[in-house]
PDB file of N, CA and C in Angstrom:
ATOM      1  N   MET A   1     -14.852 -13.078   9.926  1.00  0.00           N
ATOM      2  CA  MET A   1     -14.061 -13.281   7.948  1.00  0.00           C
ATOM      3  C   MET A   1     -13.921 -11.531   7.909  1.00  0.00           C
ATOM      4  N   LYS A   2     -12.196 -11.910   7.642  1.00  0.00           N
ATOM      5  CA  LYS A   2     -11.510 -10.793   7.235  1.00  0.00           C
ATOM      6  C   LYS A   2     -12.261 -10.209   5.737  1.00  0.00           C
ATOM      7  N   LYS A   3     -11.710  -8.448   6.097  1.00  0.00           N
ATOM      8  CA  LYS A   3     -12.599  -8.060   4.680  1.00  0.00           C
ATOM      9  C   LYS A   3     -10.856  -7.795   4.132  1.00  0.00           C
ATOM     10  N   ILE A   4     -10.662  -7.691   2.923  1.00  0.00           N
ATOM     11  CA  ILE A   4      -9.908  -7.452   2.026  1.00  0.00           C
ATOM     12  C   ILE A   4     -10.449  -6.501   1.047  1.00  0.00           C
ATOM     13  N   LEU A   5     -10.016  -5.912   0.454  1.00  0.00           N
ATOM     14  CA  LEU A   5     -10.220  -4.607  -0.211  1.00  0.00           C
ATOM     15  C   LEU A   5      -9.332  -4.808  -1.516  1.00  0.00           C
ATOM     16  N   TYR A   6     -10.165  -4.486  -2.415  1.00  0.00           N
ATOM     17  CA  TYR A   6      -9.175  -4.356  -3.656  1.00  0.00           C
ATOM     18  C   TYR A   6      -9.262  -2.778  -4.272  1.00  0.00           C
ATOM     19  N   PHE A   7      -8.072  -2.112  -4.707  1.00  0.00           N
ATOM     20  CA  PHE A   7      -8.285  -0.709  -4.872  1.00  0.00           C
ATOM     21  C   PHE A   7      -7.029  -0.709  -6.002  1.00  0.00           C
ATOM     22  N   LEU A   8      -7.631   0.554  -7.025  1.00  0.00           N
ATOM     23  CA  LEU A   8      -6.384   1.494  -7.778  1.00  0.00           C
ATOM     24  C   LEU A   8      -6.524   2.213  -7.288  1.00  0.00           C
ATOM     25  N   TYR A   9      -5.120   2.267  -7.237  1.00  0.00           N
ATOM     26  CA  TYR A   9      -4.481   3.303  -7.167  1.00  0.00           C
ATOM     27  C   TYR A   9      -3.767   4.674  -7.698  1.00  0.00           C
ATOM     28  N   LYS A  10      -3.714   5.760  -7.591  1.00  0.00           N
ATOM     29  CA  LYS A  10      -3.370   6.908  -8.117  1.00  0.00           C
ATOM     30  C   LYS A  10      -2.002   7.496  -7.658  1.00  0.00           C
ATOM     31  N   GLY A  11      -1.112   7.255  -8.416  1.00  0.00           N
ATOM     32  CA  GLY A  11      -0.049   7.101  -8.631  1.00  0.00           C
ATOM     33  C   GLY A  11       1.210   6.746  -9.959  1.00  0.00           C
ATOM     34  N   LYS A  12       2.258   6.915  -9.491  1.00  0.00           N
ATOM     35  CA  LYS A  12       3.412   6.385 -10.631  1.00  0.00           C
ATOM     36  C   LYS A  12       3.347   5.125 -11.065  1.00  0.00           C
ATOM     37  N   LYS A  13       3.679   5.233 -11.739  1.00  0.00           N
ATOM     38  CA  LYS A  13       4.202   3.560 -12.640  1.00  0.00           C
ATOM     39  C   LYS A  13       4.642   3.152 -12.307  1.00  0.00           C
ATOM     40  N   VAL A  14       4.586   1.924 -11.790  1.00  0.00           N
ATOM     41  CA  VAL A  14       5.426   1.005 -10.760  1.00  0.00           C
ATOM     42  C   VAL A  14       6.492   0.421 -11.649  1.00  0.00           C
ATOM     43  N   PRO A  15       7.652   0.040 -10.947  1.00  0.00           N
ATOM     44  CA  PRO A  15       8.841  -0.539 -11.459  1.00  0.00           C
ATOM     45  C   PRO A  15       8.369  -1.672 -12.488  1.00  0.00           C
ATOM     46  N   HIS A  16       9.291  -1.620 -13.622  1.00  0.00           N
ATOM     47  CA  HIS A  16      10.037  -2.669 -14.471  1.00  0.00           C
ATOM     48  C   HIS A  16       9.662  -4.307 -14.428  1.00  0.00           C
ATOM     49  N   ASN A  17       8.788  -4.862 -14.789  1.00  0.00           N
ATOM     50  CA  ASN A  17       8.267  -6.129 -14.086  1.00  0.00           C
ATOM     51  C   ASN A  17       7.739  -6.817 -13.301  1.00  0.00           C
ATOM     52  N   SER A  18       7.119  -5.038 -12.590  1.00  0.00           N
ATOM     53  CA  SER A  18       6.133  -5.917 -11.493  1.00  0.00           C
ATOM     54  C   SER A  18       5.314  -6.321 -11.709  1.00  0.00           C
ATOM     55  N   PHE A  19       4.326  -7.708 -10.968  1.00  0.00           N
ATOM     56  CA  PHE A  19       3.347  -8.075 -11.640  1.00  0.00           C
ATOM     57  C   PHE A  19       1.887  -7.070 -10.577  1.00  0.00           C
ATOM     58  N   TYR A  20       2.118  -6.428 -10.184  1.00  0.00           N
ATOM     59  CA  TYR A  20       1.260  -5.713  -9.469  1.00  0.00           C
ATOM     60  C   TYR A  20       0.517  -5.083  -9.941  1.00  0.00           C
ATOM     61  N   GLY A  21       1.038  -4.288 -10.934  1.00  0.00           N
ATOM     62  CA  GLY A  21       0.260  -2.999 -11.737  1.00  0.00           C
ATOM     63  C   GLY A  21       0.017  -2.252 -10.740  1.00  0.00           C
ATOM     64  N   ASP A  22      -1.543  -1.252 -11.302  1.00  0.00           N
ATOM     65  CA  ASP A  22      -1.535   0.285 -10.212  1.00  0.00           C
ATOM     66  C   ASP A  22      -3.005  -1.210  -9.422  1.00  0.00           C
ATOM     67  N   LYS A  23      -2.582  -1.844  -8.506  1.00  0.00           N
ATOM     68  CA  LYS A  23      -3.364  -2.388  -7.683  1.00  0.00           C
ATOM     69  C   LYS A  23      -3.011  -2.751  -6.080  1.00  0.00           C
ATOM     70  N   TRP A  24      -4.109  -2.282  -5.144  1.00  0.00           N
ATOM     71  CA  TRP A  24      -3.662  -2.575  -4.026  1.00  0.00           C
ATOM     72  C   TRP A  24      -4.461  -3.624  -3.331  1.00  0.00           C
ATOM     73  N   PHE A  25      -3.840  -4.483  -2.857  1.00  0.00           N
ATOM     74  CA  PHE A  25      -4.752  -5.265  -1.934  1.00  0.00           C
ATOM     75  C   PHE A  25      -4.750  -4.789  -0.089  1.00  0.00           C
ATOM     76  N   LEU A  26      -6.067  -4.586   0.260  1.00  0.00           N
ATOM     77  CA  LEU A  26      -5.846  -4.332   2.154  1.00  0.00           C
ATOM     78  C   LEU A  26      -6.774  -5.040   3.206  1.00  0.00           C
ATOM     79  N   ASP A  27      -5.823  -5.216   3.853  1.00  0.00           N
ATOM     80  CA  ASP A  27      -6.529  -6.211   4.588  1.00  0.00           C
ATOM     81  C   ASP A  27      -6.789  -5.322   5.747  1.00  0.00           C
ATOM     82  N   PHE A  28      -7.754  -4.988   6.318  1.00  0.00           N
ATOM     83  CA  PHE A  28      -8.141  -3.605   7.089  1.00  0.00           C
ATOM     84  C   PHE A  28      -8.270  -4.480   8.527  1.00  0.00           C
ATOM     85  N   ASP A  29      -8.329  -5.704   8.750  1.00  0.00           N
ATOM     86  CA  ASP A  29      -7.307  -5.833   9.823  1.00  0.00           C
ATOM     87  C   ASP A  29      -6.148  -6.052  10.363  1.00  0.00           C
ATOM     88  N   ALA A  30      -5.242  -5.415   9.047  1.00  0.00           N
ATOM     89  CA  ALA A  30      -3.565  -5.770   9.220  1.00  0.00           C
ATOM     90  C   ALA A  30      -3.652  -4.385   9.982  1.00  0.00           C
ATOM     91  N   SER A  31      -2.110  -4.260  10.975  1.00  0.00           N
ATOM     92  CA  SER A  31      -1.943  -3.027  12.315  1.00  0.00           C
ATOM     93  C   SER A  31      -0.628  -2.572  11.562  1.00  0.00           C
ATOM     94  N   THR A  32      -0.630  -3.057  10.325  1.00  0.00           N
ATOM     95  CA  THR A  32       0.411  -2.140   9.311  1.00  0.00           C
ATOM     96  C   THR A  32       0.650  -2.382   7.621  1.00  0.00           C
ATOM     97  N   TYR A  33       0.825  -1.673   7.325  1.00  0.00           N
ATOM     98  CA  TYR A  33       0.561  -1.369   5.473  1.00  0.00           C
ATOM     99  C   TYR A  33       2.326  -1.476   5.066  1.00  0.00           C
ATOM    100  N   PHE A  34       2.368  -2.464   3.805  1.00  0.00           N
ATOM    101  CA  PHE A  34       4.014  -1.802   3.399  1.00  0.00           C
ATOM    102  C   PHE A  34       3.918  -2.190   1.948  1.00  0.00           C
ATOM    103  N   THR A  35       4.972  -1.409   0.952  1.00  0.00           N
ATOM    104  CA  THR A  35       4.830  -1.262  -0.085  1.00  0.00           C
ATOM    105  C   THR A  35       6.374  -1.561  -0.116  1.00  0.00           C
ATOM    106  N   PRO A  36       6.749  -2.109  -1.839  1.00  0.00           N
ATOM    107  CA  PRO A  36       8.174  -2.241  -1.932  1.00  0.00           C
ATOM    108  C   PRO A  36       8.212  -1.278  -3.260  1.00  0.00           C
ATOM    109  N   PHE A  37       7.318  -0.133  -3.305  1.00  0.00           N
ATOM    110  CA  PHE A  37       7.401   0.303  -4.547  1.00  0.00           C
ATOM    111  C   PHE A  37       7.676   2.006  -3.604  1.00  0.00           C
ATOM    112  N   GLU A  38       8.772   2.739  -3.784  1.00  0.00           N
ATOM    113  CA  GLU A  38       9.331   4.366  -3.588  1.00  0.00           C
ATOM    114  C   GLU A  38       8.048   5.374  -4.519  1.00  0.00           C
ATOM    115  N   SER A  39       8.193   4.781  -5.665  1.00  0.00           N
ATOM    116  CA  SER A  39       7.067   5.489  -5.776  1.00  0.00           C
ATOM    117  C   SER A  39       5.362   5.603  -5.842  1.00  0.00           C
ATOM    118  N   ASP A  40       5.389   4.555  -4.769  1.00  0.00           N
ATOM    119  CA  ASP A  40       3.590   5.030  -4.181  1.00  0.00           C
ATOM    120  C   ASP A  40       3.499   6.290  -3.148  1.00  0.00           C
ATOM    121  N   PHE A  41       4.541   6.754  -2.702  1.00  0.00           N
ATOM    122  CA  PHE A  41       4.102   7.604  -1.511  1.00  0.00           C
ATOM    123  C   PHE A  41       3.715   8.732  -2.389  1.00  0.00           C
ATOM    124  N   VAL A  42       3.400   9.604  -1.102  1.00  0.00           N
ATOM    125  CA  VAL A  42       3.186  10.881  -1.490  1.00  0.00           C
ATOM    126  C   VAL A  42       4.616  11.996  -1.945  1.00  0.00           C
ATOM    127  N   ASP A  43       5.155  12.178  -0.248  1.00  0.00           N
ATOM    128  CA  ASP A  43       6.710  12.234   0.106  1.00  0.00           C
ATOM    129  C   ASP A  43       7.474  11.111   0.921  1.00  0.00           C
ATOM    130  N   ILE A  44       8.383  11.507   0.680  1.00  0.00           N
ATOM    131  CA  ILE A  44       9.078  10.199   1.423  1.00  0.00           C
ATOM    132  C   ILE A  44      10.843  10.585   1.825  1.00  0.00           C
ATOM    133  N   THR A  45      11.226  10.369   3.398  1.00  0.00           N
ATOM    134  CA  THR A  45      12.447  10.253   4.310  1.00  0.00           C
ATOM    135  C   THR A  45      12.839   9.294   4.003  1.00  0.00           C
ATOM    136  N   LEU A  46      14.396   9.099   3.410  1.00  0.00           N
ATOM    137  CA  LEU A  46      15.119   7.799   3.777  1.00  0.00           C
ATOM    138  C   LEU A  46      15.443   7.706   4.998  1.00  0.00           C
ATOM    139  N   GLY A  47      15.497   6.429   5.847  1.00  0.00           N
ATOM    140  CA  GLY A  47      16.316   5.938   6.986  1.00  0.00           C
ATOM    141  C   GLY A  47      16.317   5.170   7.436  1.00  0.00           C
ATOM    142  N   ASP A  48      16.647   4.596   8.284  1.00  0.00           N
ATOM    143  CA  ASP A  48      16.544   3.025   9.120  1.00  0.00           C
ATOM    144  C   ASP A  48      15.503   3.202  10.363  1.00  0.00           C
ATOM    145  N   TYR A  49      14.886   2.194   9.884  1.00  0.00           N
ATOM    146  CA  TYR A  49      13.301   2.388  10.736  1.00  0.00           C
ATOM    147  C   TYR A  49      13.086   0.719  10.992  1.00  0.00           C
ATOM    148  N   GLY A  50      14.104   0.054  11.326  1.00  0.00           N
ATOM    149  CA  GLY A  50      14.038  -1.082  12.191  1.00  0.00           C
ATOM    150  C   GLY A  50      13.843  -2.299  10.640  1.00  0.00           C
ATOM    151  N   TRP A  51      13.322  -3.116  11.349  1.00  0.00           N
ATOM    152  CA  TRP A  51      13.070  -4.684  11.103  1.00  0.00           C
ATOM    153  C   TRP A  51      11.720  -5.042  10.947  1.00  0.00           C
ATOM    154  N   VAL A  52      11.313  -6.092  10.005  1.00  0.00           N
ATOM    155  CA  VAL A  52      10.258  -6.622  10.135  1.00  0.00           C
ATOM    156  C   VAL A  52       9.979  -8.083   9.833  1.00  0.00           C
ATOM    157  N   LYS A  53      10.163  -9.235  10.464  1.00  0.00           N
ATOM    158  CA  LYS A  53      10.309 -10.569  10.887  1.00  0.00           C
ATOM    159  C   LYS A  53       9.205 -11.215  10.036  1.00  0.00           C
ATOM    160  N   THR A  54       9.617 -12.107   9.061  1.00  0.00           N
ATOM    161  CA  THR A  54       8.538 -13.364   7.879  1.00  0.00           C
ATOM    162  C   THR A  54       8.795 -14.160   8.425  1.00  0.00           C
ATOM    163  N   THR A  55       7.692 -15.025   8.348  1.00  0.00           N
ATOM    164  CA  THR A  55       7.726 -16.293   8.604  1.00  0.00           C
ATOM    165  C   THR A  55       8.861 -17.039   8.846  1.00  0.00           C
ATOM    166  N   ASN A  56       9.386 -16.739   7.372  1.00  0.00           N
ATOM    167  CA  ASN A  56      11.479 -17.584   7.250  1.00  0.00           C
ATOM    168  C   ASN A  56      11.988 -16.585   7.567  1.00  0.00           C
ATOM    169  N   LEU A  57      12.306 -17.731   9.024  1.00  0.00           N
ATOM    170  CA  LEU A  57      12.711 -17.031  10.106  1.00  0.00           C
ATOM    171  C   LEU A  57      14.286 -16.174   9.297  1.00  0.00           C
ATOM    172  N   LYS A  58      14.550 -16.329   8.212  1.00  0.00           N
ATOM    173  CA  LYS A  58      16.275 -16.354   7.554  1.00  0.00           C
ATOM    174  C   LYS A  58      15.625 -14.785   6.963  1.00  0.00           C
ATOM    175  N   ALA A  59      14.793 -14.310   6.500  1.00  0.00           N
ATOM    176  CA  ALA A  59      14.772 -13.430   5.767  1.00  0.00           C
ATOM    177  C   ALA A  59      13.939 -12.327   6.133  1.00  0.00           C
ATOM    178  N   ILE A  60      15.241 -11.263   7.148  1.00  0.00           N
ATOM    179  CA  ILE A  60      14.718 -10.207   7.752  1.00  0.00           C
ATOM    180  C   ILE A  60      14.082  -9.019   6.256  1.00  0.00           C
ATOM    181  N   LEU A  61      12.985  -8.422   7.002  1.00  0.00           N
ATOM    182  CA  LEU A  61      13.159  -7.079   5.353  1.00  0.00           C
ATOM    183  C   LEU A  61      13.109  -6.098   6.702  1.00  0.00           C
ATOM    184  N   PHE A  62      14.121  -5.180   5.940  1.00  0.00           N
ATOM    185  CA  PHE A  62      14.650  -3.450   6.769  1.00  0.00           C
ATOM    186  C   PHE A  62      13.646  -2.864   6.131  1.00  0.00           C
ATOM    187  N   ILE A  63      12.817  -1.824   6.929  1.00  0.00           N
ATOM    188  CA  ILE A  63      12.057  -0.882   6.965  1.00  0.00           C
ATOM    189  C   ILE A  63      13.260   0.420   6.361  1.00  0.00           C
ATOM    190  N   VAL A  64      13.289   1.276   5.060  1.00  0.00           N
ATOM    191  CA  VAL A  64      14.253   1.986   5.020  1.00  0.00           C
ATOM    192  C   VAL A  64      13.225   3.750   4.911  1.00  0.00           C
ATOM    193  N   ALA A  65      12.108   3.192   5.120  1.00  0.00           N
ATOM    194  CA  ALA A  65      11.284   4.795   5.070  1.00  0.00           C
ATOM    195  C   ALA A  65       9.211   4.435   5.385  1.00  0.00           C
ATOM    196  N   PHE A  66       8.560   5.377   6.039  1.00  0.00           N
ATOM    197  CA  PHE A  66       7.520   5.279   5.831  1.00  0.00           C
ATOM    198  C   PHE A  66       6.930   6.982   5.687  1.00  0.00           C
ATOM    199  N   SER A  67       5.751   6.780   5.056  1.00  0.00           N
ATOM    200  CA  SER A  67       5.064   7.838   4.358  1.00  0.00           C
ATOM    201  C   SER A  67       3.817   7.804   4.455  1.00  0.00           C
ATOM    202  N   THR A  68       2.965   8.801   3.702  1.00  0.00           N
ATOM    203  CA  THR A  68       1.445   8.431   3.126  1.00  0.00           C
ATOM    204  C   THR A  68       1.038   7.926   1.298  1.00  0.00           C
ATOM    205  N   VAL A  69       0.432   6.961   1.887  1.00  0.00           N
ATOM    206  CA  VAL A  69      -0.207   6.657   0.221  1.00  0.00           C
ATOM    207  C   VAL A  69      -1.780   7.531   0.058  1.00  0.00           C
ATOM    208  N   LEU A  70      -1.780   7.676  -1.387  1.00  0.00           N
ATOM    209  CA  LEU A  70      -2.802   8.017  -1.396  1.00  0.00           C
ATOM    210  C   LEU A  70      -3.538   6.963  -2.682  1.00  0.00           C
ATOM    211  N   ILE A  71      -5.108   6.297  -2.029  1.00  0.00           N
ATOM    212  CA  ILE A  71      -5.085   6.087  -3.327  1.00  0.00           C
ATOM    213  C   ILE A  71      -6.761   6.295  -3.469  1.00  0.00           C
ATOM    214  N   GLU A  72      -6.787   5.942  -4.940  1.00  0.00           N
ATOM    215  CA  GLU A  72      -8.384   6.658  -5.888  1.00  0.00           C
ATOM    216  C   GLU A  72      -8.964   5.364  -5.587  1.00  0.00           C
ATOM    217  N   HIS A  73     -10.608   5.097  -5.049  1.00  0.00           N
ATOM    218  CA  HIS A  73     -11.458   4.493  -6.036  1.00  0.00           C
ATOM    219  C   HIS A  73     -12.351   4.591  -5.645  1.00  0.00           C
ATOM    220  N   LYS A  74     -13.087   3.558  -6.270  1.00  0.00           N
ATOM    221  CA  LYS A  74     -14.883   3.705  -6.480  1.00  0.00           C
ATOM    222  C   LYS A  74     -15.235   3.182  -4.853  1.00  0.00           C
ATOM    223  N   ILE A  75     -16.637   4.204  -4.574  1.00  0.00           N
ATOM    224  CA  ILE A  75     -17.526   3.614  -3.986  1.00  0.00           C
ATOM    225  C   ILE A  75     -19.041   3.756  -4.632  1.00  0.00           C
ATOM    226  N   PHE A  76     -19.612   2.332  -4.677  1.00  0.00           N
ATOM    227  CA  PHE A  76     -20.553   2.362  -5.020  1.00  0.00           C
ATOM    228  C   PHE A  76     -21.926   2.279  -4.092  1.00  0.00           C
ATOM    229  N   ASP A  77     -22.768   3.038  -4.595  1.00  0.00           N
ATOM    230  CA  ASP A  77     -23.829   3.417  -3.617  1.00  0.00           C
ATOM    231  C   ASP A  77     -25.194   2.454  -4.344  1.00  0.00           C
ATOM    232  N   SER A  78     -25.158   1.320  -3.532  1.00  0.00           N
ATOM    233  CA  SER A  78     -26.697   0.353  -4.220  1.00  0.00           C
ATOM    234  C   SER A  78     -27.925   0.939  -4.116  1.00  0.00           C
ATOM    235  N   LYS A  79     -28.146   1.682  -3.015  1.00  0.00           N
ATOM    236  CA  LYS A  79     -29.705   2.361  -3.045  1.00  0.00           C
ATOM    237  C   LYS A  79     -30.131   3.208  -4.046  1.00  0.00           C
ATOM    238  N   ILE A  80     -28.937   3.958  -4.598  1.00  0.00           N
ATOM    239  CA  ILE A  80     -28.913   4.951  -5.223  1.00  0.00           C
ATOM    240  C   ILE A  80     -28.744   4.604  -6.254  1.00  0.00           C
ATOM    241  N   LYS A  81     -27.691   3.619  -6.574  1.00  0.00           N
ATOM    242  CA  LYS A  81     -27.137   3.369  -7.789  1.00  0.00           C
ATOM    243  C   LYS A  81     -26.312   4.254  -8.307  1.00  0.00           C
ATOM    244  N   THR A  82     -25.487   4.537  -7.575  1.00  0.00           N
ATOM    245  CA  THR A  82     -25.045   5.697  -8.050  1.00  0.00           C
ATOM    246  C   THR A  82     -23.162   5.055  -7.447  1.00  0.00           C
ATOM    247  N   THR A  83     -22.033   5.907  -8.332  1.00  0.00           N
ATOM    248  CA  THR A  83     -20.900   5.631  -8.438  1.00  0.00           C
ATOM    249  C   THR A  83     -19.910   6.840  -8.290  1.00  0.00           C
ATOM    250  N   LYS A  84     -19.252   6.896  -6.746  1.00  0.00           N
ATOM    251  CA  LYS A  84     -18.522   8.004  -7.030  1.00  0.00           C
ATOM    252  C   LYS A  84     -16.693   7.622  -6.599  1.00  0.00           C
ATOM    253  N   VAL A  85     -16.117   8.801  -7.318  1.00  0.00           N
ATOM    254  CA  VAL A  85     -14.303   8.395  -7.196  1.00  0.00           C
ATOM    255  C   VAL A  85     -14.094   8.967  -5.891  1.00  0.00           C
ATOM    256  N   THR A  86     -13.267   8.371  -5.265  1.00  0.00           N
ATOM    257  CA  THR A  86     -12.980   9.396  -3.701  1.00  0.00           C
ATOM    258  C   THR A  86     -11.537   8.905  -3.778  1.00  0.00           C
ATOM    259  N   MET A  87     -10.821   9.618  -2.857  1.00  0.00           N
ATOM    260  CA  MET A  87      -9.206   9.496  -2.317  1.00  0.00           C
ATOM    261  C   MET A  87      -9.355   9.218  -1.139  1.00  0.00           C
ATOM    262  N   SER A  88      -8.726   8.445  -0.797  1.00  0.00           N
ATOM    263  CA  SER A  88      -8.149   7.925   0.823  1.00  0.00           C
ATOM    264  C   SER A  88      -6.710   7.719   0.777  1.00  0.00           C
ATOM    265  N   LYS A  89      -6.231   8.392   2.226  1.00  0.00           N
ATOM    266  CA  LYS A  89      -5.166   8.531   2.504  1.00  0.00           C
ATOM    267  C   LYS A  89      -4.917   7.054   3.495  1.00  0.00           C
ATOM    268  N   LEU A  90      -3.707   6.486   3.225  1.00  0.00           N
ATOM    269  CA  LEU A  90      -3.262   5.651   4.022  1.00  0.00           C
ATOM    270  C   LEU A  90      -1.869   6.156   4.899  1.00  0.00           C
ATOM    271  N   TRP A  91      -2.193   6.102   5.821  1.00  0.00           N
ATOM    272  CA  TRP A  91      -0.996   6.045   7.218  1.00  0.00           C
ATOM    273  C   TRP A  91      -1.038   5.401   7.977  1.00  0.00           C
ATOM    274  N   LEU A  92      -0.236   5.089   7.914  1.00  0.00           N
ATOM    275  CA  LEU A  92       1.629   4.899   8.244  1.00  0.00           C
ATOM    276  C   LEU A  92       1.606   4.016   7.143  1.00  0.00           C
ATOM    277  N   VAL A  93       2.506   3.897   5.922  1.00  0.00           N
ATOM    278  CA  VAL A  93       2.672   3.118   5.308  1.00  0.00           C
ATOM    279  C   VAL A  93       4.273   2.812   5.629  1.00  0.00           C
ATOM    280  N   TYR A  94       4.699   1.476   5.162  1.00  0.00           N
ATOM    281  CA  TYR A  94       6.229   1.076   5.199  1.00  0.00           C
ATOM    282  C   TYR A  94       6.808   1.228   4.131  1.00  0.00           C
ATOM    283  N   TYR A  95       7.817   1.567   3.331  1.00  0.00           N
ATOM    284  CA  TYR A  95       8.655   1.143   2.708  1.00  0.00           C
ATOM    285  C   TYR A  95       9.477   0.376   3.045  1.00  0.00           C
ATOM    286  N   ILE A  96       9.216  -1.267   2.146  1.00  0.00           N
ATOM    287  CA  ILE A  96      10.786  -2.007   2.410  1.00  0.00           C
ATOM    288  C   ILE A  96      11.459  -2.506   1.473  1.00  0.00           C
ATOM    289  N   PHE A  97      11.810  -1.925   0.421  1.00  0.00           N
ATOM    290  CA  PHE A  97      12.980  -2.642  -0.711  1.00  0.00           C
ATOM    291  C   PHE A  97      13.378  -3.993  -0.799  1.00  0.00           C
ATOM    292  N   GLY A  98      12.872  -4.033  -1.714  1.00  0.00           N
ATOM    293  CA  GLY A  98      12.793  -5.610  -2.163  1.00  0.00           C
ATOM    294  C   GLY A  98      12.062  -6.665  -1.601  1.00  0.00           C
ATOM    295  N   MET A  99      10.732  -6.272  -1.185  1.00  0.00           N
ATOM    296  CA  MET A  99       9.956  -6.920  -0.682  1.00  0.00           C
ATOM    297  C   MET A  99       9.246  -8.042  -1.883  1.00  0.00           C
TER     298      MET A  99
END
């Protein structure tokens, strides 16, 4: 069974008309993470970093940057019934404009 976790992230506002809001869905079985929002990154250096094939073979997505994303999330300890807010670092996250 795949583990898919849902996190709120700390960062800038997402672009206008985005339906994602401040949410990330993380699949910890995934080998790579992607975002279409440049504002998600701590810092960023744009460049030509290759491409990604999708199930639609005509829709090749180009990686235009990669960097680190910080995710602020809550951890609930069920034994002592406490919640702690923590920050996790996701690296390597690829930026794919228009994804």
